N, C-alpha and C. Protein backbone atom coordinates (compact mmCIF):
# COMPACT_ATOMS: atom_id res chain seq x y z
N UNK A 1 19.80 6.28 -6.19
CA UNK A 1 19.30 6.02 -7.53
C UNK A 1 18.09 5.27 -7.41
N UNK A 2 17.26 5.57 -8.56
CA UNK A 2 15.99 4.72 -8.39
C UNK A 2 15.91 3.52 -9.30
N UNK A 3 15.28 2.47 -8.85
CA UNK A 3 15.45 1.20 -9.43
C UNK A 3 14.37 1.08 -10.33
N UNK A 4 14.42 -0.11 -10.95
CA UNK A 4 13.46 -0.57 -12.17
C UNK A 4 12.35 -1.11 -11.60
N UNK A 5 11.01 -0.42 -11.93
CA UNK A 5 9.85 -0.90 -11.72
C UNK A 5 9.59 -2.22 -12.65
N UNK A 6 9.20 -3.16 -11.72
CA UNK A 6 8.67 -4.37 -12.47
C UNK A 6 7.31 -4.77 -12.25
N UNK A 7 6.78 -5.19 -13.65
CA UNK A 7 4.96 -5.50 -13.45
C UNK A 7 4.78 -6.64 -12.52
N UNK A 8 3.62 -6.83 -12.29
CA UNK A 8 3.16 -8.07 -11.39
C UNK A 8 3.66 -9.33 -12.09
N UNK A 9 3.39 -9.36 -13.32
CA UNK A 9 3.93 -10.54 -14.13
C UNK A 9 5.35 -10.68 -14.32
N UNK A 10 6.02 -9.49 -14.40
CA UNK A 10 7.59 -9.74 -14.41
C UNK A 10 8.12 -10.20 -12.97
N UNK A 11 7.34 -9.85 -11.97
CA UNK A 11 7.64 -10.46 -10.71
C UNK A 11 7.42 -11.85 -10.54
N UNK A 12 6.42 -12.35 -10.94
CA UNK A 12 6.04 -13.73 -10.83
C UNK A 12 6.84 -14.62 -11.63
N UNK A 13 7.33 -14.09 -12.94
CA UNK A 13 8.15 -14.84 -13.64
C UNK A 13 9.49 -14.82 -12.99
N UNK A 14 10.02 -13.96 -12.57
CA UNK A 14 11.16 -13.90 -11.62
C UNK A 14 11.21 -14.95 -10.43
N UNK A 15 9.97 -15.12 -9.87
CA UNK A 15 10.11 -16.05 -8.89
C UNK A 15 9.87 -17.35 -9.29
N UNK A 16 9.32 -17.71 -10.50
CA UNK A 16 9.20 -18.87 -11.06
C UNK A 16 10.64 -19.39 -11.63
N UNK A 17 11.31 -18.38 -12.29
CA UNK A 17 12.95 -18.55 -12.59
C UNK A 17 13.69 -19.05 -11.45
N UNK A 18 13.48 -18.66 -10.26
CA UNK A 18 14.30 -19.00 -9.14
C UNK A 18 13.82 -20.40 -8.54
N UNK A 19 12.40 -20.81 -8.88
CA UNK A 19 12.00 -21.81 -8.23
C UNK A 19 12.37 -23.07 -9.48
N UNK A 20 12.16 -22.80 -10.57
CA UNK A 20 12.23 -23.88 -11.58
C UNK A 20 13.70 -24.23 -11.94
N UNK A 21 14.51 -23.15 -12.17
CA UNK A 21 15.79 -23.29 -12.88
C UNK A 21 16.95 -24.02 -11.94
N UNK A 22 16.63 -24.18 -10.68
CA UNK A 22 17.81 -24.60 -9.83
C UNK A 22 18.89 -23.65 -9.48
N UNK A 23 18.78 -22.41 -9.98
CA UNK A 23 19.74 -21.40 -9.50
C UNK A 23 19.66 -21.07 -8.17
N UNK A 24 20.80 -20.46 -7.60
CA UNK A 24 20.66 -19.89 -6.22
C UNK A 24 19.71 -18.67 -6.42
N UNK A 25 19.38 -18.35 -5.03
CA UNK A 25 18.34 -17.17 -5.24
C UNK A 25 19.20 -16.03 -5.42
N UNK A 26 20.62 -15.91 -4.88
CA UNK A 26 21.41 -14.92 -4.99
C UNK A 26 21.73 -14.55 -6.55
N UNK A 27 21.97 -15.72 -7.29
CA UNK A 27 22.12 -15.58 -8.66
C UNK A 27 20.94 -14.95 -9.30
N UNK A 28 19.89 -15.35 -9.02
CA UNK A 28 18.70 -14.81 -9.95
C UNK A 28 18.52 -13.44 -9.41
N UNK A 29 18.59 -13.05 -8.07
CA UNK A 29 18.59 -11.60 -7.62
C UNK A 29 19.65 -10.82 -8.56
N UNK A 30 20.82 -11.00 -8.59
CA UNK A 30 21.90 -10.61 -9.19
C UNK A 30 21.57 -10.37 -10.81
N UNK A 31 20.94 -11.35 -11.32
CA UNK A 31 20.60 -11.31 -12.87
C UNK A 31 19.53 -10.11 -13.18
N UNK A 32 18.77 -9.92 -12.02
CA UNK A 32 17.70 -9.29 -12.30
C UNK A 32 17.77 -7.59 -11.47
N UNK A 33 18.85 -7.68 -10.98
CA UNK A 33 19.32 -6.50 -10.12
C UNK A 33 18.45 -5.97 -9.02
N UNK A 34 17.88 -7.04 -8.09
CA UNK A 34 16.95 -6.85 -7.01
C UNK A 34 17.93 -7.42 -5.94
N UNK A 35 17.39 -7.02 -4.80
CA UNK A 35 17.95 -7.62 -3.41
C UNK A 35 17.13 -8.57 -3.09
N UNK A 36 17.87 -9.48 -2.16
CA UNK A 36 17.16 -10.47 -1.71
C UNK A 36 15.93 -10.28 -0.77
N UNK A 37 16.07 -9.05 -0.37
CA UNK A 37 14.74 -8.60 0.68
C UNK A 37 13.53 -8.29 -0.39
N UNK A 38 13.81 -7.68 -1.44
CA UNK A 38 12.89 -7.61 -2.48
C UNK A 38 12.45 -8.92 -2.95
N UNK A 39 13.15 -9.87 -3.18
CA UNK A 39 12.73 -11.32 -3.64
C UNK A 39 11.83 -11.89 -2.65
N UNK A 40 12.51 -11.94 -1.53
CA UNK A 40 11.47 -12.44 -0.57
C UNK A 40 10.07 -11.61 -0.19
N UNK A 41 10.05 -10.26 -0.34
CA UNK A 41 8.83 -9.67 -0.27
C UNK A 41 7.82 -10.11 -1.36
N UNK A 42 8.27 -10.37 -2.46
CA UNK A 42 7.51 -10.69 -3.56
C UNK A 42 6.98 -12.05 -3.42
N UNK A 43 7.97 -12.68 -3.11
CA UNK A 43 7.53 -14.21 -2.82
C UNK A 43 6.23 -14.30 -1.67
N UNK A 44 6.34 -13.31 -0.72
CA UNK A 44 5.33 -13.45 0.45
C UNK A 44 3.97 -12.89 -0.37
N UNK A 45 4.23 -12.09 -1.27
CA UNK A 45 2.87 -11.29 -1.61
C UNK A 45 2.34 -12.22 -2.86
N UNK A 46 3.29 -12.59 -4.08
CA UNK A 46 2.87 -13.30 -4.92
C UNK A 46 3.41 -14.87 -5.21
N UNK A 47 3.73 -15.45 -4.18
CA UNK A 47 4.43 -16.65 -4.07
C UNK A 47 3.75 -17.82 -4.87
N UNK A 48 2.39 -18.03 -4.66
CA UNK A 48 1.60 -19.12 -5.20
C UNK A 48 0.87 -18.73 -6.43
N UNK A 49 0.83 -17.45 -6.66
CA UNK A 49 -0.12 -16.95 -7.72
C UNK A 49 0.51 -17.33 -9.11
N UNK A 50 -0.51 -17.61 -10.08
CA UNK A 50 -0.16 -17.60 -11.47
C UNK A 50 -0.46 -16.01 -12.13
N UNK A 51 0.27 -15.88 -13.34
CA UNK A 51 0.28 -14.60 -14.08
C UNK A 51 -1.44 -14.42 -14.28
N UNK A 52 -2.14 -15.21 -14.54
CA UNK A 52 -3.64 -15.08 -14.69
C UNK A 52 -4.35 -14.48 -13.60
N UNK A 53 -3.93 -15.03 -12.54
CA UNK A 53 -4.55 -14.98 -11.17
C UNK A 53 -4.02 -13.67 -10.70
N UNK A 54 -2.90 -13.20 -10.75
CA UNK A 54 -2.43 -11.88 -10.47
C UNK A 54 -3.17 -10.63 -11.24
N UNK A 55 -3.37 -10.96 -12.57
CA UNK A 55 -4.10 -10.19 -13.51
C UNK A 55 -5.49 -9.68 -12.97
N UNK A 56 -6.17 -10.97 -12.48
CA UNK A 56 -7.37 -10.80 -12.01
C UNK A 56 -7.35 -10.10 -10.58
N UNK A 57 -6.42 -10.43 -9.81
CA UNK A 57 -6.23 -9.74 -8.46
C UNK A 57 -6.27 -8.32 -8.62
N UNK A 58 -5.45 -7.80 -9.74
CA UNK A 58 -5.25 -6.33 -9.97
C UNK A 58 -6.41 -5.59 -10.46
N UNK A 59 -7.20 -6.48 -11.24
CA UNK A 59 -8.44 -5.88 -11.69
C UNK A 59 -9.50 -5.77 -10.50
N UNK A 60 -9.54 -6.74 -9.63
CA UNK A 60 -10.28 -6.83 -8.48
C UNK A 60 -10.10 -5.55 -7.57
N UNK A 61 -8.83 -5.34 -7.51
CA UNK A 61 -8.39 -4.20 -6.22
C UNK A 61 -8.67 -3.12 -6.95
N UNK A 62 -8.61 -2.87 -8.40
CA UNK A 62 -9.02 -1.49 -9.01
C UNK A 62 -10.73 -1.26 -9.08
N UNK A 63 -11.21 -2.47 -9.20
CA UNK A 63 -12.75 -2.35 -8.86
C UNK A 63 -13.28 -1.83 -7.74
N UNK A 64 -12.57 -2.48 -6.85
CA UNK A 64 -13.11 -2.08 -5.05
C UNK A 64 -12.64 -0.80 -4.90
N UNK A 65 -11.46 -0.03 -5.59
CA UNK A 65 -11.34 1.10 -5.30
C UNK A 65 -12.40 1.96 -5.78
N UNK A 66 -12.84 1.65 -7.09
CA UNK A 66 -13.71 2.46 -7.70
C UNK A 66 -15.03 2.55 -6.74
N UNK A 67 -15.77 1.26 -6.43
CA UNK A 67 -16.78 0.93 -5.87
C UNK A 67 -16.50 1.88 -4.33
N UNK A 68 -15.54 1.89 -3.75
CA UNK A 68 -15.22 2.85 -2.42
C UNK A 68 -15.28 4.17 -2.70
N UNK A 69 -15.00 4.72 -3.81
CA UNK A 69 -15.02 5.99 -4.32
C UNK A 69 -16.56 6.46 -4.40
N UNK A 70 -17.07 5.67 -5.10
CA UNK A 70 -18.73 5.68 -5.25
C UNK A 70 -19.63 5.73 -3.96
N UNK A 71 -19.16 4.83 -3.14
CA UNK A 71 -19.73 4.83 -1.96
C UNK A 71 -19.39 5.95 -0.97
N UNK A 72 -18.42 6.64 -1.03
CA UNK A 72 -18.14 7.82 -0.43
C UNK A 72 -18.59 8.92 -0.92
N UNK A 73 -18.76 9.00 -2.29
CA UNK A 73 -19.61 10.22 -3.12
C UNK A 73 -20.90 10.18 -2.53
N UNK A 74 -21.75 8.84 -2.35
CA UNK A 74 -22.93 8.92 -2.13
C UNK A 74 -23.18 9.24 -0.74
N UNK A 75 -22.27 8.71 0.23
CA UNK A 75 -22.38 9.27 1.55
C UNK A 75 -22.54 10.51 1.84
N UNK A 76 -21.49 11.24 0.94
CA UNK A 76 -21.50 12.82 1.05
C UNK A 76 -22.53 13.42 0.57
N UNK A 77 -23.24 13.00 -0.38
CA UNK A 77 -24.40 13.42 -0.67
C UNK A 77 -25.61 13.33 0.14
N UNK A 78 -25.68 12.19 0.62
CA UNK A 78 -26.64 12.11 1.68
C UNK A 78 -26.47 12.90 2.86
N UNK A 79 -25.35 13.26 3.37
CA UNK A 79 -25.07 14.02 4.55
C UNK A 79 -25.54 15.62 3.95
N UNK A 80 -25.06 15.84 2.57
CA UNK A 80 -25.81 17.26 2.32
C UNK A 80 -27.20 17.38 2.25
N UNK A 81 -27.81 16.27 1.93
CA UNK A 81 -29.18 16.38 1.81
C UNK A 81 -29.88 16.49 3.28
N UNK A 82 -29.23 15.80 4.25
CA UNK A 82 -29.69 15.96 5.52
C UNK A 82 -29.72 17.23 6.21
N UNK A 83 -28.48 18.00 5.77
CA UNK A 83 -28.21 19.26 6.39
C UNK A 83 -28.94 20.27 5.67
N UNK A 84 -29.29 20.04 4.35
CA UNK A 84 -30.37 20.83 3.88
C UNK A 84 -31.83 20.77 4.29
N UNK A 85 -32.09 19.70 4.50
CA UNK A 85 -33.58 19.59 5.33
C UNK A 85 -33.55 19.95 6.62
N UNK A 86 -32.48 19.77 7.22
CA UNK A 86 -32.60 20.44 8.89
C UNK A 86 -32.72 21.97 8.76
N UNK A 87 -31.94 22.43 7.68
CA UNK A 87 -32.23 23.94 7.82
C UNK A 87 -33.47 24.36 7.25
N UNK A 88 -34.45 23.87 6.40
CA UNK A 88 -35.59 24.08 5.95
C UNK A 88 -36.50 23.97 7.33
N UNK A 89 -36.31 23.17 8.16
CA UNK A 89 -37.32 22.88 9.12
C UNK A 89 -37.07 23.83 10.26
């Protein structure tokens, strides 16, 4: 059975709920239908982030991926030009 996909914001809200409500972690996990292992993995990944910081991190990761693709395309173009020049000489 496939589980529910939570957004980054939802994950942080669940972590804050466990932190601030005084509930046991097991109860919070049961309420949101996640395992304790998932909870602790999220805590390791998003533990001290605020929602705005998580959104900014997500945007930066997206921009970084785009820049890496652009660099790879440029490097490929450069290699093709080198090969074309070598064949001419």
